[in-house]
PDB file of N, CA and C in Angstrom:
ATOM      1  N   UNK A   1       0.776  -1.190   0.152  1.00  0.00           N
ATOM      2  CA  UNK A   1       0.197  -0.212   0.301  1.00  0.00           C
ATOM      3  C   UNK A   1       1.001   1.142  -0.005  1.00  0.00           C
ATOM      4  N   UNK A   2       0.285   1.722  -1.024  1.00  0.00           N
ATOM      5  CA  UNK A   2       1.651   3.585  -1.215  1.00  0.00           C
ATOM      6  C   UNK A   2       0.997   4.541   0.129  1.00  0.00           C
ATOM      7  N   UNK A   3       2.087   5.270   0.536  1.00  0.00           N
ATOM      8  CA  UNK A   3       1.599   5.880   1.757  1.00  0.00           C
ATOM      9  C   UNK A   3       1.204   7.294   1.396  1.00  0.00           C
ATOM     10  N   UNK A   4       0.034   7.731   1.505  1.00  0.00           N
ATOM     11  CA  UNK A   4      -0.049   9.179   1.631  1.00  0.00           C
ATOM     12  C   UNK A   4       0.538  10.261   1.773  1.00  0.00           C
ATOM     13  N   UNK A   5       1.396  10.648   2.402  1.00  0.00           N
ATOM     14  CA  UNK A   5       2.902  10.880   2.810  1.00  0.00           C
ATOM     15  C   UNK A   5       4.211  10.747   3.671  1.00  0.00           C
ATOM     16  N   UNK A   6       5.026  11.583   3.857  1.00  0.00           N
ATOM     17  CA  UNK A   6       5.822  10.952   3.696  1.00  0.00           C
ATOM     18  C   UNK A   6       7.053  12.238   4.647  1.00  0.00           C
ATOM     19  N   UNK A   7       8.088  11.751   5.954  1.00  0.00           N
ATOM     20  CA  UNK A   7       8.980  12.433   6.614  1.00  0.00           C
ATOM     21  C   UNK A   7       9.736  13.335   5.346  1.00  0.00           C
ATOM     22  N   UNK A   8      10.438  14.692   6.053  1.00  0.00           N
ATOM     23  CA  UNK A   8      11.381  15.052   5.405  1.00  0.00           C
ATOM     24  C   UNK A   8      12.683  14.579   4.479  1.00  0.00           C
ATOM     25  N   UNK A   9      13.116  13.432   5.608  1.00  0.00           N
ATOM     26  CA  UNK A   9      14.219  12.327   5.150  1.00  0.00           C
ATOM     27  C   UNK A   9      13.273  11.296   3.947  1.00  0.00           C
ATOM     28  N   UNK A  10      12.051  11.013   4.121  1.00  0.00           N
ATOM     29  CA  UNK A  10      11.844   9.604   3.219  1.00  0.00           C
ATOM     30  C   UNK A  10      11.682  11.037   2.116  1.00  0.00           C
ATOM     31  N   UNK A  11      11.471  11.998   2.209  1.00  0.00           N
ATOM     32  CA  UNK A  11      11.091  12.763   0.721  1.00  0.00           C
ATOM     33  C   UNK A  11      12.389  13.147   0.227  1.00  0.00           C
ATOM     34  N   UNK A  12      13.469  13.153   0.438  1.00  0.00           N
ATOM     35  CA  UNK A  12      15.181  13.600   0.869  1.00  0.00           C
ATOM     36  C   UNK A  12      15.473  12.268  -0.466  1.00  0.00           C
ATOM     37  N   UNK A  13      15.008  11.465   0.240  1.00  0.00           N
ATOM     38  CA  UNK A  13      15.303   9.870  -0.602  1.00  0.00           C
ATOM     39  C   UNK A  13      14.892   9.965  -1.544  1.00  0.00           C
ATOM     40  N   UNK A  14      13.988  10.096  -2.103  1.00  0.00           N
ATOM     41  CA  UNK A  14      13.151   9.708  -2.607  1.00  0.00           C
ATOM     42  C   UNK A  14      13.132  10.571  -3.747  1.00  0.00           C
ATOM     43  N   UNK A  15      13.080  12.292  -3.818  1.00  0.00           N
ATOM     44  CA  UNK A  15      13.918  13.101  -4.987  1.00  0.00           C
ATOM     45  C   UNK A  15      14.953  13.136  -4.820  1.00  0.00           C
ATOM     46  N   UNK A  16      16.147  12.218  -4.491  1.00  0.00           N
ATOM     47  CA  UNK A  16      17.702  12.296  -4.385  1.00  0.00           C
ATOM     48  C   UNK A  16      18.415  13.219  -4.020  1.00  0.00           C
ATOM     49  N   UNK A  17      18.126  13.654  -3.164  1.00  0.00           N
ATOM     50  CA  UNK A  17      18.457  15.111  -2.498  1.00  0.00           C
ATOM     51  C   UNK A  17      18.530  15.082  -1.117  1.00  0.00           C
ATOM     52  N   UNK A  18      19.091  15.286  -0.474  1.00  0.00           N
ATOM     53  CA  UNK A  18      20.252  15.357   0.890  1.00  0.00           C
ATOM     54  C   UNK A  18      19.100  16.138   2.115  1.00  0.00           C
ATOM     55  N   UNK A  19      19.225  15.489   3.229  1.00  0.00           N
ATOM     56  CA  UNK A  19      18.143  15.462   3.668  1.00  0.00           C
ATOM     57  C   UNK A  19      18.171  17.290   4.742  1.00  0.00           C
ATOM     58  N   UNK A  20      19.182  17.379   4.350  1.00  0.00           N
ATOM     59  CA  UNK A  20      19.400  19.382   4.971  1.00  0.00           C
ATOM     60  C   UNK A  20      18.285  20.433   3.997  1.00  0.00           C
ATOM     61  N   UNK A  21      19.032  20.240   2.595  1.00  0.00           N
ATOM     62  CA  UNK A  21      18.408  20.770   0.980  1.00  0.00           C
ATOM     63  C   UNK A  21      17.132  20.675   1.419  1.00  0.00           C
ATOM     64  N   UNK A  22      16.207  19.096   2.061  1.00  0.00           N
ATOM     65  CA  UNK A  22      14.828  19.068   1.677  1.00  0.00           C
ATOM     66  C   UNK A  22      14.614  19.785   2.743  1.00  0.00           C
ATOM     67  N   UNK A  23      14.859  20.170   4.147  1.00  0.00           N
ATOM     68  CA  UNK A  23      14.334  20.878   5.181  1.00  0.00           C
ATOM     69  C   UNK A  23      14.294  21.978   4.606  1.00  0.00           C
ATOM     70  N   UNK A  24      15.134  22.745   4.411  1.00  0.00           N
ATOM     71  CA  UNK A  24      15.468  24.132   3.704  1.00  0.00           C
ATOM     72  C   UNK A  24      14.518  24.436   2.406  1.00  0.00           C
ATOM     73  N   UNK A  25      14.304  23.651   1.173  1.00  0.00           N
ATOM     74  CA  UNK A  25      13.497  24.130   0.481  1.00  0.00           C
ATOM     75  C   UNK A  25      11.743  23.931   1.256  1.00  0.00           C
ATOM     76  N   UNK A  26      11.748  23.312   2.555  1.00  0.00           N
ATOM     77  CA  UNK A  26      10.706  23.256   3.566  1.00  0.00           C
ATOM     78  C   UNK A  26      10.483  24.736   3.991  1.00  0.00           C
ATOM     79  N   UNK A  27      11.359  25.128   3.937  1.00  0.00           N
ATOM     80  CA  UNK A  27      11.455  25.938   4.999  1.00  0.00           C
ATOM     81  C   UNK A  27      11.046  27.644   4.022  1.00  0.00           C
ATOM     82  N   UNK A  28      11.818  26.958   2.999  1.00  0.00           N
ATOM     83  CA  UNK A  28      11.302  28.741   2.510  1.00  0.00           C
ATOM     84  C   UNK A  28      10.100  28.613   1.429  1.00  0.00           C
ATOM     85  N   UNK A  29       9.386  27.673   1.797  1.00  0.00           N
ATOM     86  CA  UNK A  29       8.540  27.109   1.098  1.00  0.00           C
ATOM     87  C   UNK A  29       8.353  26.455  -0.131  1.00  0.00           C
ATOM     88  N   UNK A  30       9.611  26.222  -0.623  1.00  0.00           N
ATOM     89  CA  UNK A  30       9.611  25.539  -2.289  1.00  0.00           C
ATOM     90  C   UNK A  30       9.179  24.463  -1.879  1.00  0.00           C
ATOM     91  N   UNK A  31       8.953  23.642  -1.116  1.00  0.00           N
ATOM     92  CA  UNK A  31       8.765  22.202  -0.718  1.00  0.00           C
ATOM     93  C   UNK A  31       7.149  21.861  -0.011  1.00  0.00           C
ATOM     94  N   UNK A  32       5.732  21.620  -0.459  1.00  0.00           N
ATOM     95  CA  UNK A  32       4.731  22.340   0.298  1.00  0.00           C
ATOM     96  C   UNK A  32       4.622  20.948   1.630  1.00  0.00           C
ATOM     97  N   UNK A  33       4.875  21.323   2.829  1.00  0.00           N
ATOM     98  CA  UNK A  33       4.521  19.959   4.246  1.00  0.00           C
ATOM     99  C   UNK A  33       3.313  20.495   5.121  1.00  0.00           C
ATOM    100  N   UNK A  34       3.078  20.079   5.807  1.00  0.00           N
ATOM    101  CA  UNK A  34       1.721  20.098   6.539  1.00  0.00           C
ATOM    102  C   UNK A  34       2.257  19.698   8.113  1.00  0.00           C
ATOM    103  N   UNK A  35       1.843  19.984   8.713  1.00  0.00           N
ATOM    104  CA  UNK A  35       2.133  20.386   9.907  1.00  0.00           C
ATOM    105  C   UNK A  35       1.506  19.069  11.257  1.00  0.00           C
ATOM    106  N   UNK A  36       2.011  17.763  11.536  1.00  0.00           N
ATOM    107  CA  UNK A  36       1.480  17.013  12.167  1.00  0.00           C
ATOM    108  C   UNK A  36       2.109  17.044  13.356  1.00  0.00           C
ATOM    109  N   UNK A  37       1.364  17.492  14.409  1.00  0.00           N
ATOM    110  CA  UNK A  37       1.922  17.677  15.460  1.00  0.00           C
ATOM    111  C   UNK A  37       3.256  18.684  16.057  1.00  0.00           C
ATOM    112  N   UNK A  38       4.248  17.889  16.142  1.00  0.00           N
ATOM    113  CA  UNK A  38       5.460  18.400  15.733  1.00  0.00           C
ATOM    114  C   UNK A  38       6.075  18.266  14.605  1.00  0.00           C
ATOM    115  N   UNK A  39       5.563  17.060  14.181  1.00  0.00           N
ATOM    116  CA  UNK A  39       6.440  16.908  12.616  1.00  0.00           C
ATOM    117  C   UNK A  39       6.409  17.507  11.067  1.00  0.00           C
ATOM    118  N   UNK A  40       6.985  17.566  10.508  1.00  0.00           N
ATOM    119  CA  UNK A  40       6.611  18.411   9.195  1.00  0.00           C
ATOM    120  C   UNK A  40       6.864  16.514   8.465  1.00  0.00           C
ATOM    121  N   UNK A  41       5.070  16.691   7.297  1.00  0.00           N
ATOM    122  CA  UNK A  41       5.176  15.910   6.529  1.00  0.00           C
ATOM    123  C   UNK A  41       4.873  16.437   5.155  1.00  0.00           C
ATOM    124  N   UNK A  42       5.401  15.652   4.194  1.00  0.00           N
ATOM    125  CA  UNK A  42       4.918  16.005   2.633  1.00  0.00           C
ATOM    126  C   UNK A  42       3.873  14.958   2.175  1.00  0.00           C
ATOM    127  N   UNK A  43       3.009  15.817   1.313  1.00  0.00           N
ATOM    128  CA  UNK A  43       1.602  14.792   1.107  1.00  0.00           C
ATOM    129  C   UNK A  43       2.658  14.188  -0.284  1.00  0.00           C
ATOM    130  N   UNK A  44       1.915  12.931  -0.340  1.00  0.00           N
ATOM    131  CA  UNK A  44       2.667  12.210  -1.619  1.00  0.00           C
ATOM    132  C   UNK A  44       2.071  12.880  -2.818  1.00  0.00           C
ATOM    133  N   UNK A  45       1.045  13.388  -3.259  1.00  0.00           N
ATOM    134  CA  UNK A  45       1.045  14.124  -4.501  1.00  0.00           C
ATOM    135  C   UNK A  45       2.175  15.397  -5.010  1.00  0.00           C
ATOM    136  N   UNK A  46       2.570  15.970  -3.444  1.00  0.00           N
ATOM    137  CA  UNK A  46       3.600  17.027  -3.645  1.00  0.00           C
ATOM    138  C   UNK A  46       5.002  16.085  -4.287  1.00  0.00           C
ATOM    139  N   UNK A  47       5.388  15.091  -3.830  1.00  0.00           N
ATOM    140  CA  UNK A  47       6.102  14.099  -3.953  1.00  0.00           C
ATOM    141  C   UNK A  47       6.463  14.341  -5.892  1.00  0.00           C
ATOM    142  N   UNK A  48       4.666  13.379  -6.126  1.00  0.00           N
ATOM    143  CA  UNK A  48       4.552  12.777  -7.391  1.00  0.00           C
ATOM    144  C   UNK A  48       5.105  14.241  -8.332  1.00  0.00           C
ATOM    145  N   UNK A  49       4.029  15.566  -7.808  1.00  0.00           N
ATOM    146  CA  UNK A  49       4.371  16.683  -8.926  1.00  0.00           C
ATOM    147  C   UNK A  49       5.618  17.062  -9.320  1.00  0.00           C
ATOM    148  N   UNK A  50       6.637  17.318  -7.886  1.00  0.00           N
ATOM    149  CA  UNK A  50       7.676  17.528  -8.106  1.00  0.00           C
ATOM    150  C   UNK A  50       8.753  16.240  -9.092  1.00  0.00           C
ATOM    151  N   UNK A  51       8.376  15.178  -8.845  1.00  0.00           N
ATOM    152  CA  UNK A  51       9.606  14.305  -9.590  1.00  0.00           C
ATOM    153  C   UNK A  51       8.404  14.636 -11.113  1.00  0.00           C
ATOM    154  N   UNK A  52       7.461  14.664 -11.610  1.00  0.00           N
ATOM    155  CA  UNK A  52       6.720  15.048 -13.550  1.00  0.00           C
ATOM    156  C   UNK A  52       7.111  15.855 -13.830  1.00  0.00           C
ATOM    157  N   UNK A  53       7.683  17.447 -12.261  1.00  0.00           N
ATOM    158  CA  UNK A  53       8.106  18.435 -13.625  1.00  0.00           C
ATOM    159  C   UNK A  53       9.438  18.338 -13.547  1.00  0.00           C
ATOM    160  N   UNK A  54      10.268  17.622 -12.754  1.00  0.00           N
ATOM    161  CA  UNK A  54      11.728  17.342 -12.935  1.00  0.00           C
ATOM    162  C   UNK A  54      11.942  16.300 -14.328  1.00  0.00           C
ATOM    163  N   UNK A  55      10.894  15.771 -14.630  1.00  0.00           N
ATOM    164  CA  UNK A  55      11.602  15.088 -16.078  1.00  0.00           C
ATOM    165  C   UNK A  55      10.942  13.340 -15.815  1.00  0.00           C
TER     166      UNK A  55
END
């Protein structure tokens, strides 16, 4: 079963970028996140859109 949202480290791995860069993109608003308690999560739709936009 596919996940509906991913943590920042999981997102970084999927996108092939470093964890620090993923957190930086989230802070800058370039990576859309949702706050779940104290955690930032990235909806799967956002990751899919980023992957399709990059090729």
